[in-house]
N, C-alpha and C. Protein backbone atom coordinates (compact mmCIF):
# COMPACT_ATOMS: atom_id res chain seq x y z
N UNK A 1 76.67 133.49 183.75
CA UNK A 1 75.15 133.80 182.92
C UNK A 1 74.41 134.28 183.66
N UNK A 2 73.80 135.12 183.22
CA UNK A 2 72.45 136.06 183.79
C UNK A 2 71.24 135.28 183.61
N UNK A 3 70.51 135.31 184.39
CA UNK A 3 69.03 135.10 184.33
C UNK A 3 68.24 135.44 182.96
N UNK A 4 68.30 136.66 182.78
CA UNK A 4 68.11 137.33 181.54
C UNK A 4 68.22 136.35 180.50
N UNK A 5 69.79 136.30 179.95
CA UNK A 5 70.09 135.32 179.08
C UNK A 5 69.47 134.01 179.10
N UNK A 6 69.24 133.41 180.35
CA UNK A 6 69.27 132.11 180.42
C UNK A 6 67.70 131.71 180.01
N UNK A 7 66.99 132.49 180.54
CA UNK A 7 65.41 132.52 180.06
C UNK A 7 65.39 132.64 178.63
N UNK A 8 65.94 133.30 178.03
CA UNK A 8 65.65 133.52 176.43
C UNK A 8 66.14 132.30 175.65
N UNK A 9 67.25 131.73 176.37
CA UNK A 9 67.95 130.71 175.85
C UNK A 9 67.31 129.45 176.22
N UNK A 10 66.17 129.52 177.17
CA UNK A 10 65.73 128.32 177.28
C UNK A 10 64.51 128.41 176.45
N UNK A 11 63.77 129.76 176.04
CA UNK A 11 62.70 130.08 175.10
C UNK A 11 62.83 129.86 173.57
N UNK A 12 64.27 130.29 173.36
CA UNK A 12 64.56 130.25 171.87
C UNK A 12 64.78 128.62 171.67
N UNK A 13 65.60 127.70 172.31
CA UNK A 13 65.73 126.51 172.36
C UNK A 13 64.15 125.43 172.14
N UNK A 14 63.23 125.90 172.54
CA UNK A 14 62.01 125.37 172.58
C UNK A 14 61.44 125.72 171.36
N UNK A 15 61.57 126.55 171.16
CA UNK A 15 60.85 127.53 169.78
C UNK A 15 61.72 126.51 168.65
N UNK A 16 63.00 126.41 168.70
CA UNK A 16 64.02 125.59 167.66
C UNK A 16 63.57 124.30 167.78
N UNK A 17 63.39 123.75 168.98
CA UNK A 17 63.07 122.33 169.32
C UNK A 17 61.68 122.45 167.99
N UNK A 18 60.53 122.87 168.57
CA UNK A 18 59.37 123.06 167.51
C UNK A 18 59.24 123.22 166.06
N UNK A 19 59.99 123.90 165.65
CA UNK A 19 60.28 124.03 164.55
C UNK A 19 61.27 122.72 163.47
N UNK A 20 62.16 122.40 164.04
CA UNK A 20 62.94 121.42 163.97
C UNK A 20 62.27 120.21 163.88
N UNK A 21 61.34 120.07 164.82
CA UNK A 21 60.67 118.53 165.25
C UNK A 21 59.99 118.45 163.78
N UNK A 22 59.58 119.46 163.15
CA UNK A 22 58.86 119.37 161.58
C UNK A 22 59.53 118.60 160.54
N UNK A 23 61.13 119.10 160.98
CA UNK A 23 61.87 119.07 159.61
C UNK A 23 62.16 117.52 159.54
N UNK A 24 62.64 117.00 157.91
CA UNK A 24 63.36 115.71 158.23
C UNK A 24 64.69 115.91 158.46
N UNK A 25 65.33 114.90 158.60
CA UNK A 25 67.05 114.78 159.02
C UNK A 25 67.52 115.21 157.90
N UNK A 26 67.31 115.26 156.22
CA UNK A 26 68.22 115.83 155.76
C UNK A 26 68.00 117.21 155.57
N UNK A 27 66.95 117.65 155.90
CA UNK A 27 66.86 119.33 155.97
C UNK A 27 67.18 120.08 157.29
N UNK A 28 67.36 119.13 158.68
CA UNK A 28 67.98 119.53 159.63
C UNK A 28 69.27 119.84 159.72
N UNK A 29 70.11 119.05 158.65
CA UNK A 29 71.12 119.01 158.44
C UNK A 29 71.82 120.45 157.28
N UNK A 30 70.94 120.39 156.46
CA UNK A 30 70.84 121.78 155.40
C UNK A 30 70.56 122.95 156.02
N UNK A 31 69.91 122.72 157.10
CA UNK A 31 69.70 124.05 157.86
C UNK A 31 70.63 124.61 158.97
N UNK A 32 71.28 123.38 159.44
CA UNK A 32 72.07 123.67 160.06
C UNK A 32 71.90 123.97 161.75
N UNK A 33 70.75 122.96 161.76
CA UNK A 33 69.76 122.67 163.41
C UNK A 33 70.67 122.70 164.22
N UNK A 34 71.42 121.71 164.40
CA UNK A 34 72.60 121.42 165.29
C UNK A 34 73.72 122.46 165.41
N UNK A 35 73.91 123.19 164.61
CA UNK A 35 75.02 124.25 164.98
C UNK A 35 74.16 125.28 165.59
N UNK A 36 73.15 125.83 165.08
CA UNK A 36 72.13 126.76 165.86
C UNK A 36 71.86 126.45 167.61
N UNK A 37 71.67 125.06 167.56
CA UNK A 37 71.38 124.40 169.35
C UNK A 37 72.80 124.46 169.89
N UNK A 38 73.95 123.92 169.29
CA UNK A 38 75.24 124.04 169.92
C UNK A 38 75.83 125.80 170.22
N UNK A 39 75.10 126.63 169.25
CA UNK A 39 75.50 127.92 169.69
C UNK A 39 75.03 128.41 170.95
N UNK A 40 73.70 127.96 170.88
CA UNK A 40 72.91 128.29 172.23
C UNK A 40 73.26 127.86 173.67
N UNK A 41 73.97 127.06 173.62
CA UNK A 41 74.45 126.25 174.80
C UNK A 41 75.67 126.88 175.17
N UNK A 42 76.79 126.82 174.14
CA UNK A 42 78.20 127.27 173.94
C UNK A 42 78.22 128.57 174.40
N UNK A 43 77.30 129.17 173.57
CA UNK A 43 77.49 130.81 174.08
C UNK A 43 77.29 131.27 175.83
N UNK A 44 76.50 130.96 176.29
CA UNK A 44 76.32 130.78 177.44
C UNK A 44 77.43 131.01 178.49
N UNK A 45 78.56 130.25 178.13
CA UNK A 45 79.87 130.06 178.83
C UNK A 45 81.08 131.22 178.36
N UNK A 46 80.34 131.94 177.39
CA UNK A 46 81.73 132.78 176.74
C UNK A 46 80.70 134.17 176.78
N UNK A 47 79.94 134.14 177.46
CA UNK A 47 78.81 135.52 177.07
C UNK A 47 79.71 136.88 177.46
N UNK A 48 79.24 137.82 176.99
CA UNK A 48 79.84 139.01 177.55
C UNK A 48 78.88 139.95 177.35
N UNK A 49 78.65 140.96 178.46
CA UNK A 49 77.25 142.01 178.12
C UNK A 49 77.56 142.96 176.84
N UNK A 50 78.76 142.70 176.14
CA UNK A 50 78.88 143.86 174.94
C UNK A 50 78.49 143.25 173.80
N UNK A 51 78.53 142.06 173.95
CA UNK A 51 77.85 141.47 172.22
C UNK A 51 76.88 140.61 172.46
N UNK A 52 76.24 140.56 173.97
CA UNK A 52 74.98 139.64 174.23
C UNK A 52 73.60 140.29 173.53
N UNK A 53 73.60 141.30 173.19
CA UNK A 53 72.53 142.03 172.23
C UNK A 53 72.76 141.71 170.87
N UNK A 54 73.50 141.95 170.48
CA UNK A 54 74.14 141.41 169.16
C UNK A 54 73.75 139.84 168.99
N UNK A 55 74.18 138.90 169.64
CA UNK A 55 74.01 137.47 169.36
C UNK A 55 72.55 137.44 169.71
N UNK A 56 71.91 137.81 170.65
CA UNK A 56 70.31 137.51 170.91
C UNK A 56 69.52 138.16 169.68
N UNK A 57 70.24 139.23 168.98
CA UNK A 57 69.39 139.49 168.09
C UNK A 57 69.40 138.63 166.60
N UNK A 58 70.64 138.19 166.63
CA UNK A 58 71.12 137.68 165.58
C UNK A 58 70.21 136.32 165.32
N UNK A 59 70.46 135.49 166.74
CA UNK A 59 69.76 134.22 166.74
C UNK A 59 68.44 134.19 166.87
N UNK A 60 67.66 135.10 167.27
CA UNK A 60 66.48 135.07 167.41
C UNK A 60 66.03 135.52 165.67
N UNK A 61 66.58 136.04 165.00
CA UNK A 61 66.38 136.13 163.47
C UNK A 61 66.41 134.87 162.98
N UNK A 62 67.32 134.72 162.96
CA UNK A 62 67.78 133.13 162.63
C UNK A 62 66.70 132.28 162.76
N UNK A 63 66.73 131.89 163.81
CA UNK A 63 65.34 130.83 164.11
C UNK A 63 64.03 131.27 163.34
N UNK A 64 63.81 132.74 163.64
CA UNK A 64 62.46 133.28 163.03
C UNK A 64 62.73 132.79 161.75
N UNK A 65 63.56 132.51 160.75
CA UNK A 65 63.81 132.52 159.13
C UNK A 65 63.67 131.09 159.06
N UNK A 66 63.72 130.24 160.01
CA UNK A 66 64.13 128.79 159.55
C UNK A 66 62.55 128.25 158.87
N UNK A 67 62.67 127.81 157.61
CA UNK A 67 62.02 127.29 156.97
C UNK A 67 61.01 126.04 157.02
N UNK A 68 60.03 125.81 157.01
CA UNK A 68 59.00 124.74 157.15
C UNK A 68 59.90 123.94 156.35
N UNK A 69 59.15 122.36 156.43
CA UNK A 69 59.34 121.20 155.48
C UNK A 69 59.45 121.43 154.19
N UNK A 70 57.98 121.74 154.10
CA UNK A 70 57.32 122.31 152.49
C UNK A 70 57.84 123.39 151.73
N UNK A 71 58.51 123.98 152.45
CA UNK A 71 58.68 125.45 151.74
C UNK A 71 60.17 125.28 150.48
N UNK A 72 59.11 126.19 149.30
CA UNK A 72 59.82 125.82 148.11
C UNK A 72 60.12 127.50 147.71
N UNK A 73 59.62 128.22 148.48
CA UNK A 73 60.05 130.02 148.36
C UNK A 73 61.71 130.20 148.56
N UNK A 74 62.09 130.49 147.11
CA UNK A 74 63.65 130.58 146.93
C UNK A 74 64.10 131.65 147.55
N UNK A 75 63.10 132.88 147.61
CA UNK A 75 63.53 133.91 148.64
C UNK A 75 63.52 133.88 149.95
N UNK A 76 62.67 133.06 150.52
CA UNK A 76 62.91 132.86 151.76
C UNK A 76 63.83 131.93 152.03
N UNK A 77 64.55 130.78 151.35
CA UNK A 77 65.31 130.26 151.59
C UNK A 77 66.32 131.17 151.54
N UNK A 78 67.23 131.44 150.41
CA UNK A 78 67.99 132.63 150.30
C UNK A 78 68.19 133.39 151.76
N UNK A 79 67.25 133.98 151.92
CA UNK A 79 67.01 134.87 153.15
C UNK A 79 67.28 134.24 154.64
N UNK A 80 67.45 133.05 154.70
CA UNK A 80 67.57 132.09 155.42
C UNK A 80 68.95 131.60 155.54
N UNK A 81 69.43 131.27 154.01
CA UNK A 81 71.16 131.03 154.04
C UNK A 81 72.03 132.00 154.79
N UNK A 82 71.60 133.08 154.04
CA UNK A 82 72.20 134.39 154.34
C UNK A 82 72.27 134.75 155.73
N UNK A 83 71.49 134.84 156.59
CA UNK A 83 71.20 134.80 158.09
C UNK A 83 72.16 133.89 158.62
N UNK A 84 72.25 132.88 158.02
CA UNK A 84 72.97 131.59 158.58
C UNK A 84 74.48 131.87 158.85
N UNK A 85 75.01 131.92 157.38
CA UNK A 85 76.02 132.42 156.96
C UNK A 85 76.71 133.25 157.78
N UNK A 86 75.89 134.75 157.91
CA UNK A 86 76.40 135.56 158.70
C UNK A 86 76.42 135.38 160.42
N UNK A 87 75.25 134.46 160.56
CA UNK A 87 75.39 134.08 161.99
C UNK A 87 76.33 133.16 162.43
N UNK A 88 76.98 132.23 161.60
CA UNK A 88 78.24 130.99 161.49
C UNK A 88 79.36 132.13 161.58
N UNK A 89 79.55 133.16 160.86
CA UNK A 89 80.66 133.67 161.17
C UNK A 89 80.86 134.80 162.29
N UNK A 90 79.97 135.36 162.57
CA UNK A 90 79.63 135.96 164.01
C UNK A 90 80.49 135.15 165.23
N UNK A 91 79.24 134.20 165.28
CA UNK A 91 79.69 132.97 166.57
C UNK A 91 81.22 132.50 166.22
N UNK A 92 81.77 132.13 165.28
CA UNK A 92 83.23 131.42 165.26
C UNK A 92 84.22 132.67 165.15
N UNK A 93 84.06 133.54 164.80
CA UNK A 93 84.96 134.73 164.99
C UNK A 93 85.02 135.51 166.20
N UNK A 94 83.82 135.93 166.42
CA UNK A 94 83.70 136.73 168.07
C UNK A 94 84.53 135.72 169.06
N UNK A 95 83.75 134.45 169.02
CA UNK A 95 84.05 133.98 170.41
C UNK A 95 84.99 132.60 170.09
N UNK A 96 85.82 132.80 169.17
CA UNK A 96 86.99 131.74 168.76
C UNK A 96 86.54 130.38 168.83
N UNK A 97 85.33 130.18 168.24
CA UNK A 97 84.89 128.87 168.19
C UNK A 97 85.21 127.98 167.00
N UNK A 98 85.57 126.68 166.93
CA UNK A 98 85.82 125.83 165.77
C UNK A 98 84.89 124.84 165.30
N UNK A 99 84.52 123.95 164.10
CA UNK A 99 83.57 123.33 164.03
C UNK A 99 84.30 121.90 164.61
N UNK A 100 83.20 120.74 164.55
CA UNK A 100 84.02 119.67 165.07
C UNK A 100 85.07 119.15 163.81
N UNK A 101 85.97 118.25 164.31
CA UNK A 101 87.32 118.11 163.32
C UNK A 101 87.77 119.09 162.56
N UNK A 102 88.01 120.13 163.09
CA UNK A 102 88.54 121.40 162.42
C UNK A 102 90.26 120.93 162.21
N UNK A 103 90.61 120.73 163.58
CA UNK A 103 92.04 120.39 163.39
C UNK A 103 92.55 119.32 162.76
N UNK A 104 91.58 118.33 162.98
CA UNK A 104 91.76 116.83 162.07
C UNK A 104 92.14 117.17 160.43
N UNK A 105 91.07 118.13 160.50
CA UNK A 105 90.90 118.47 158.77
C UNK A 105 92.09 119.28 158.26
N UNK A 106 92.75 119.81 159.30
CA UNK A 106 94.04 120.66 158.98
C UNK A 106 95.11 119.80 158.71
N UNK A 107 95.52 119.06 159.97
CA UNK A 107 96.48 118.45 160.28
C UNK A 107 96.54 117.12 159.42
N UNK A 108 95.24 116.60 159.17
CA UNK A 108 95.35 115.00 158.23
C UNK A 108 96.35 115.39 156.37
N UNK A 109 95.91 116.27 155.54
CA UNK A 109 96.26 116.70 154.43
C UNK A 109 97.88 117.03 154.78
N UNK A 110 97.89 118.11 155.43
CA UNK A 110 99.48 118.56 155.53
C UNK A 110 100.40 117.20 156.01
N UNK A 111 99.69 116.51 156.81
CA UNK A 111 100.92 115.52 157.09
C UNK A 111 101.06 114.56 156.16
N UNK A 112 100.21 114.22 155.23
CA UNK A 112 100.01 113.20 154.13
C UNK A 112 100.88 113.94 153.25
N UNK A 113 100.98 115.05 153.15
CA UNK A 113 102.16 115.45 152.30
C UNK A 113 103.15 115.78 152.60
N UNK A 114 103.49 115.83 153.83
CA UNK A 114 104.55 115.81 154.20
C UNK A 114 105.13 114.78 154.84
N UNK A 115 104.42 113.38 154.71
CA UNK A 115 105.08 111.75 154.63
C UNK A 115 105.42 111.76 153.36
N UNK A 116 104.49 112.13 152.38
CA UNK A 116 105.15 111.50 151.16
C UNK A 116 106.44 112.37 150.56
N UNK A 117 106.43 113.66 150.53
CA UNK A 117 107.64 114.37 150.53
C UNK A 117 109.04 113.76 151.51
N UNK A 118 108.87 113.41 152.65
CA UNK A 118 109.58 112.88 153.22
C UNK A 118 110.21 111.75 152.86
N UNK A 119 109.38 111.09 152.30
CA UNK A 119 109.62 109.52 152.04
C UNK A 119 110.38 110.00 150.56
N UNK A 120 110.11 110.59 150.00
CA UNK A 120 110.73 110.53 148.78
C UNK A 120 112.35 111.17 148.66
N UNK A 121 112.61 111.42 149.88
CA UNK A 121 113.93 112.47 149.68
C UNK A 121 115.05 111.47 150.53
N UNK A 122 113.90 110.83 151.63
CA UNK A 122 114.76 109.95 152.42
C UNK A 122 114.62 108.29 152.57
N UNK A 123 115.59 107.72 152.83
CA UNK A 123 115.40 106.32 153.28
C UNK A 123 114.99 106.01 154.72
N UNK A 124 114.61 104.97 155.14
CA UNK A 124 113.71 104.15 154.44
C UNK A 124 112.23 105.00 154.12
N UNK A 125 111.98 104.52 153.14
CA UNK A 125 110.55 104.70 152.22
C UNK A 125 109.26 104.48 153.27
N UNK A 126 109.39 103.20 153.73
CA UNK A 126 108.16 102.86 154.52
C UNK A 126 107.69 103.64 155.89
N UNK A 127 109.02 104.17 156.99
CA UNK A 127 109.15 104.70 157.88
C UNK A 127 108.52 106.36 157.90
N UNK A 128 108.88 106.70 156.80
CA UNK A 128 108.35 108.20 156.47
C UNK A 128 107.11 108.33 156.05
N UNK A 129 106.62 107.24 155.21
CA UNK A 129 105.21 107.23 154.70
C UNK A 129 104.26 107.22 155.65
N UNK A 130 104.72 106.11 156.86
CA UNK A 130 103.64 105.83 157.82
C UNK A 130 103.69 106.69 158.95
N UNK A 131 104.97 107.02 159.63
CA UNK A 131 104.86 107.67 161.16
C UNK A 131 104.28 108.95 160.97
N UNK A 132 104.80 109.73 159.88
CA UNK A 132 104.53 110.93 159.74
C UNK A 132 102.83 111.44 159.79
N UNK A 133 102.14 110.70 158.69
CA UNK A 133 100.63 110.96 158.89
C UNK A 133 99.90 110.17 160.30
N UNK A 134 100.69 109.18 160.62
CA UNK A 134 100.24 109.14 162.13
C UNK A 134 100.18 110.09 162.87
N UNK A 135 101.14 110.73 162.70
CA UNK A 135 101.60 111.87 163.89
C UNK A 135 100.78 112.96 163.59
N UNK A 136 100.36 113.36 162.37
CA UNK A 136 99.77 114.42 162.14
C UNK A 136 98.33 114.52 162.45
N UNK A 137 97.87 112.87 162.13
CA UNK A 137 96.37 112.55 162.58
C UNK A 137 96.31 112.31 164.06
N UNK A 138 97.37 112.09 164.95
CA UNK A 138 97.34 112.05 166.51
C UNK A 138 97.07 113.43 167.10
N UNK A 139 98.11 114.24 166.60
CA UNK A 139 97.93 116.22 166.60
C UNK A 139 96.58 116.60 166.31
N UNK A 140 95.77 116.07 165.31
CA UNK A 140 94.78 116.73 165.20
C UNK A 140 93.53 116.41 166.03
N UNK A 141 93.61 114.95 166.00
CA UNK A 141 92.74 114.59 167.20
C UNK A 141 92.79 114.88 168.28
N UNK A 142 93.97 115.42 169.02
CA UNK A 142 94.46 115.67 170.39
C UNK A 142 93.99 117.03 170.54
N UNK A 143 94.30 118.15 169.36
CA UNK A 143 93.48 119.21 169.23
C UNK A 143 92.36 119.36 169.26
N UNK A 144 91.84 118.42 168.59
CA UNK A 144 90.45 118.68 168.40
C UNK A 144 89.67 118.39 170.19
N UNK A 145 89.99 117.12 170.79
CA UNK A 145 89.67 116.72 171.90
C UNK A 145 89.94 117.92 173.14
N UNK A 146 90.95 118.81 172.72
CA UNK A 146 91.05 120.13 173.80
C UNK A 146 90.44 120.98 173.36
N UNK A 147 89.96 121.00 172.13
CA UNK A 147 88.82 122.31 171.95
C UNK A 147 87.26 121.99 172.27
N UNK A 148 87.35 120.37 172.57
CA UNK A 148 85.79 120.04 173.15
C UNK A 148 86.41 120.39 174.55
N UNK A 149 86.95 119.74 175.10
CA UNK A 149 86.78 120.31 176.52
C UNK A 149 86.85 121.66 176.87
N UNK A 150 87.33 122.28 176.28
CA UNK A 150 87.35 123.92 176.57
C UNK A 150 86.13 124.38 175.99
N UNK A 151 85.26 123.26 175.56
CA UNK A 151 84.12 124.23 175.10
C UNK A 151 83.91 124.99 173.74
N UNK A 152 85.00 124.91 173.28
CA UNK A 152 85.03 125.55 171.82
C UNK A 152 84.61 125.02 170.46
N UNK A 153 83.88 123.68 170.45
CA UNK A 153 83.84 123.28 169.57
C UNK A 153 81.85 123.82 169.47
N UNK A 154 81.74 123.94 168.07
CA UNK A 154 80.47 124.23 167.72
C UNK A 154 79.81 123.35 166.76
């Protein structure tokens, strides 16, 4: 990670901290402040010179558009949420990052459905209804832990 990016990241983190300290907890969640903070830290490990300027401009614009706690201007909120959606899509697709619990949210419903289908067609019923969802949950949790260790979770 180059020095210019490190300085910019520290500066943007302090601006984001200052803006988010005035927000209450539900607004922080609604404005995805944790996502922005995490993208600033995770991106440094995946930085490439080709997309650095795009990421810097997108993140700077997004941080500057964060509404304050008393904001009721619909246009300002719409502009912020639009910039947030673009930023999230950019970060997740370009840098192959996943949200927390991504793999578990995929494997849990799939394994429950598979367990029910297997239990309907084969005996003993209790064996399939219990073991297949447990194995699906285990696989999802292991893949989530692996993504977290590889710094792929945003």
